[in-house]
Amino acid sequence: MIPGFFWRILPGSDFFWKPIEKIQEKNYNLELTGFEFNDGKLVYIDESERSFNGDGYSIWIYEIDEKTAKYFKNPNDEFFSKYPNTELRSNWKSEFWKKTPFDQKEQQFFNFAHSSLDKLKFELEDLLIEKGNYYAYEYYMHNFSDENIFIGNIDFYIICPNRKIIVKINHNT
C-alpha cells in the first residue's frame, strides 16, 4: 500500500485532494460551531515543531466570509449549548461558546492557549474584550502521580463576526 502523503506530491494531485480537504474543513467547522462553513484566507499562522507525540503549539487565524460573519452576529441557541463537539476530542472536556467579554475565572485556560501575535495590529486579549465576539475551548487535564492536575492540552477558539475572522489555537504538552 502506498501512503496517502505520497500521492500529494504528484503533479495535479491537488485536483483530487483540495475538494476532499474542503469537505473535511466544512465538517470540522460544523462540529465546532453547528454551522457549516469553510475557512477563508489564512491571515496568520504560527506553528512550532511538533514532538514525536504531537506536543507543540499552533495558531491559525482565518478570514470568514460575509454569510458566515452574518450568522455569527446572531447564532442559534444550540451554538451556546452543544458546541464545540468535535469527534476528535471526545475524551476532552468542552466549554461551549460564550459571548465576550471573557470570564476571568477561565484565565488559566486562556493563559495556556495564549500567544503574542507578531505582525498583527491586535492581541488575543483584545478579541476577548471586544463585545460581539465568542470564545470556546476543549481541554484535557493531565493527572500526575503526585495528585497534581494540570492543563495538558487545549484547543481554544475565538470568532469575531465584526472583524470577520476565526482564531483556532492548539497547544499540547
Protein backbone atom coordinates (compact mmCIF):
# COMPACT_ATOMS: atom_id res chain seq x y z
CA MET A 1 0.00 0.00 0.00
CA ILE A 2 1.38 3.42 -0.92
CA PRO A 3 0.88 6.08 1.80
CA GLY A 4 -1.57 8.91 1.06
CA PHE A 5 1.04 11.64 1.51
CA PHE A 6 2.94 10.18 -1.47
CA TRP A 7 0.02 10.94 -3.77
CA ARG A 8 0.02 14.60 -2.60
CA ILE A 9 3.41 15.23 -4.23
CA LEU A 10 2.35 14.06 -7.66
CA PRO A 11 1.69 16.80 -10.24
CA GLY A 12 -2.03 17.55 -10.47
CA SER A 13 -2.85 15.75 -7.22
CA ASP A 14 -4.43 18.89 -5.75
CA PHE A 15 -7.20 18.42 -8.28
CA PHE A 16 -8.18 15.37 -6.22
CA TRP A 17 -7.13 16.39 -2.67
CA LYS A 18 -8.31 20.03 -2.45
CA PRO A 19 -12.04 19.16 -2.69
CA ILE A 20 -11.58 16.47 -0.03
CA GLU A 21 -9.81 18.94 2.27
CA LYS A 22 -12.61 21.48 1.80
CA ILE A 23 -15.24 18.88 2.76
CA GLN A 24 -13.23 17.90 5.85
CA GLU A 25 -12.80 21.56 6.80
CA LYS A 26 -16.52 22.22 6.46
CA ASN A 27 -17.37 19.15 8.56
CA TYR A 28 -14.88 20.15 11.25
CA ASN A 29 -16.37 23.66 11.43
CA LEU A 30 -19.83 22.11 11.70
CA GLU A 31 -18.67 20.05 14.72
CA LEU A 32 -17.02 23.15 16.10
CA THR A 33 -19.93 25.61 15.76
CA GLY A 34 -23.06 23.87 14.46
CA PHE A 35 -22.77 25.98 11.29
CA GLU A 36 -21.27 24.64 8.09
CA PHE A 37 -18.62 26.89 6.52
CA ASN A 38 -15.17 26.82 5.02
CA ASP A 39 -12.28 28.77 6.44
CA GLY A 40 -11.34 31.67 4.24
CA LYS A 41 -7.92 33.10 3.55
CA LEU A 42 -5.28 32.26 6.15
CA VAL A 43 -4.21 35.65 7.55
CA TYR A 44 -1.89 34.48 10.34
CA ILE A 45 -0.10 31.25 11.22
CA ASP A 46 2.42 30.29 13.85
CA GLU A 47 3.30 26.62 14.24
CA SER A 48 6.02 25.19 16.43
CA GLU A 49 7.71 21.95 15.54
CA ARG A 50 5.80 19.01 16.93
CA SER A 51 7.48 16.33 19.01
CA PHE A 52 7.01 12.65 18.24
CA ASN A 53 3.80 12.54 20.31
CA GLY A 54 2.28 15.73 18.90
CA ASP A 55 3.34 18.17 21.62
CA GLY A 56 3.65 21.72 20.34
CA TYR A 57 1.77 24.93 19.63
CA SER A 58 -0.17 26.18 16.61
CA ILE A 59 -2.35 29.20 15.96
CA TRP A 60 -4.26 29.88 12.76
CA ILE A 61 -6.35 32.96 12.01
CA TYR A 62 -8.67 32.77 9.01
CA GLU A 63 -10.95 35.26 7.35
CA ILE A 64 -14.61 34.26 7.29
CA ASP A 65 -16.99 35.26 4.51
CA GLU A 66 -19.89 37.69 4.83
CA LYS A 67 -22.53 34.93 5.11
CA THR A 68 -20.63 33.26 7.97
CA ALA A 69 -19.98 36.57 9.74
CA LYS A 70 -23.67 37.45 9.49
CA TYR A 71 -24.69 34.10 11.00
CA PHE A 72 -22.34 34.57 13.96
CA LYS A 73 -23.73 38.01 14.72
CA ASN A 74 -26.81 36.15 15.95
CA PRO A 75 -26.15 32.39 16.19
CA ASN A 76 -28.86 29.94 17.19
CA ASP A 77 -29.25 28.72 20.80
CA GLU A 78 -27.57 25.36 20.15
CA PHE A 79 -24.32 27.21 19.40
CA PHE A 80 -24.14 28.07 23.12
CA SER A 81 -25.27 24.70 24.48
CA LYS A 82 -23.86 21.97 22.19
CA TYR A 83 -20.66 23.24 20.58
CA PRO A 84 -17.81 22.63 20.22
CA ASN A 85 -18.48 18.93 19.97
CA THR A 86 -15.61 17.58 17.92
CA GLU A 87 -15.31 13.85 17.43
CA LEU A 88 -11.52 14.17 17.53
CA ARG A 89 -11.67 15.42 21.14
CA SER A 90 -14.37 13.12 22.50
CA ASN A 91 -12.34 12.37 25.64
CA TRP A 92 -11.66 16.07 26.36
CA LYS A 93 -13.90 18.46 28.29
CA SER A 94 -15.70 21.18 26.36
CA GLU A 95 -16.55 24.71 27.35
CA PHE A 96 -19.30 25.71 24.98
CA TRP A 97 -19.35 29.00 23.10
CA LYS A 98 -19.76 32.11 25.25
CA LYS A 99 -20.12 35.79 24.46
CA THR A 100 -17.27 38.14 25.16
CA PRO A 101 -16.07 39.81 27.30
CA PHE A 102 -14.02 36.90 28.61
CA ASP A 103 -14.83 35.44 32.05
CA GLN A 104 -11.75 35.96 34.24
CA LYS A 105 -12.49 32.68 36.08
CA GLU A 106 -11.27 30.94 32.91
CA GLN A 107 -7.95 32.81 32.82
CA GLN A 108 -5.83 29.66 33.35
CA PHE A 109 -7.21 28.17 30.13
CA PHE A 110 -6.54 31.33 28.15
CA ASN A 111 -3.03 31.60 29.62
CA PHE A 112 -2.26 28.07 28.46
CA ALA A 113 -3.52 28.87 24.94
CA HIS A 114 -2.08 32.40 24.75
CA SER A 115 0.45 33.61 22.22
CA SER A 116 1.69 37.03 21.22
CA LEU A 117 0.65 37.80 17.68
CA ASP A 118 3.62 39.15 15.76
CA LYS A 119 2.79 41.20 12.68
CA LEU A 120 -0.84 41.87 13.64
CA LYS A 121 -2.45 45.06 14.94
CA PHE A 122 -4.22 43.31 17.81
CA GLU A 123 -3.61 40.73 20.52
CA LEU A 124 -5.78 37.79 21.54
CA GLU A 125 -6.77 39.68 24.70
CA ASP A 126 -8.26 42.42 22.50
CA LEU A 127 -10.54 39.88 20.84
CA LEU A 128 -11.73 38.57 24.21
CA ILE A 129 -12.59 42.06 25.47
CA GLU A 130 -14.49 43.24 22.38
CA LYS A 131 -18.22 42.85 22.57
CA GLY A 132 -19.86 40.79 19.84
CA ASN A 133 -17.21 38.05 19.77
CA TYR A 134 -17.38 34.47 21.04
CA TYR A 135 -14.92 32.03 22.54
CA ALA A 136 -14.93 28.32 23.35
CA TYR A 137 -12.39 25.67 24.17
CA GLU A 138 -11.83 21.98 24.58
CA TYR A 139 -9.19 20.79 27.01
CA TYR A 140 -7.58 17.76 28.59
CA MET A 141 -6.22 17.74 32.13
CA HIS A 142 -3.08 15.75 32.97
CA ASN A 143 -3.31 13.92 36.27
CA PHE A 144 0.14 13.22 37.70
CA SER A 145 1.12 10.60 40.27
CA ASP A 146 1.56 13.27 42.95
CA GLU A 147 -2.17 14.05 42.51
CA ASN A 148 -1.48 17.41 40.86
CA ILE A 149 -3.73 18.15 37.92
CA PHE A 150 -2.64 20.49 35.14
CA ILE A 151 -3.98 21.60 31.81
CA GLY A 152 -2.09 19.48 29.33
CA ASN A 153 -3.84 20.10 26.02
CA ILE A 154 -6.20 22.74 24.74
CA ASP A 155 -7.99 23.78 21.57
CA PHE A 156 -9.08 27.41 22.03
CA TYR A 157 -11.32 29.22 19.54
CA ILE A 158 -12.41 32.82 19.04
CA ILE A 159 -14.95 34.02 16.47
CA CYS A 160 -15.09 37.73 15.63
CA PRO A 161 -18.01 38.44 13.29
CA ASN A 162 -17.26 42.18 13.02
CA ARG A 163 -13.60 41.60 12.15
CA LYS A 164 -14.65 38.59 10.02
CA ILE A 165 -12.07 36.22 11.49
CA ILE A 166 -11.90 32.93 13.34
CA VAL A 167 -8.95 32.03 15.56
CA LYS A 168 -8.01 28.38 16.12
CA ILE A 169 -5.34 27.51 18.67
CA ASN A 170 -3.93 24.11 19.59
CA HIS A 171 -1.45 23.63 22.44
CA ASN A 172 -0.40 20.13 23.52
CA THR A 173 2.15 19.13 26.14
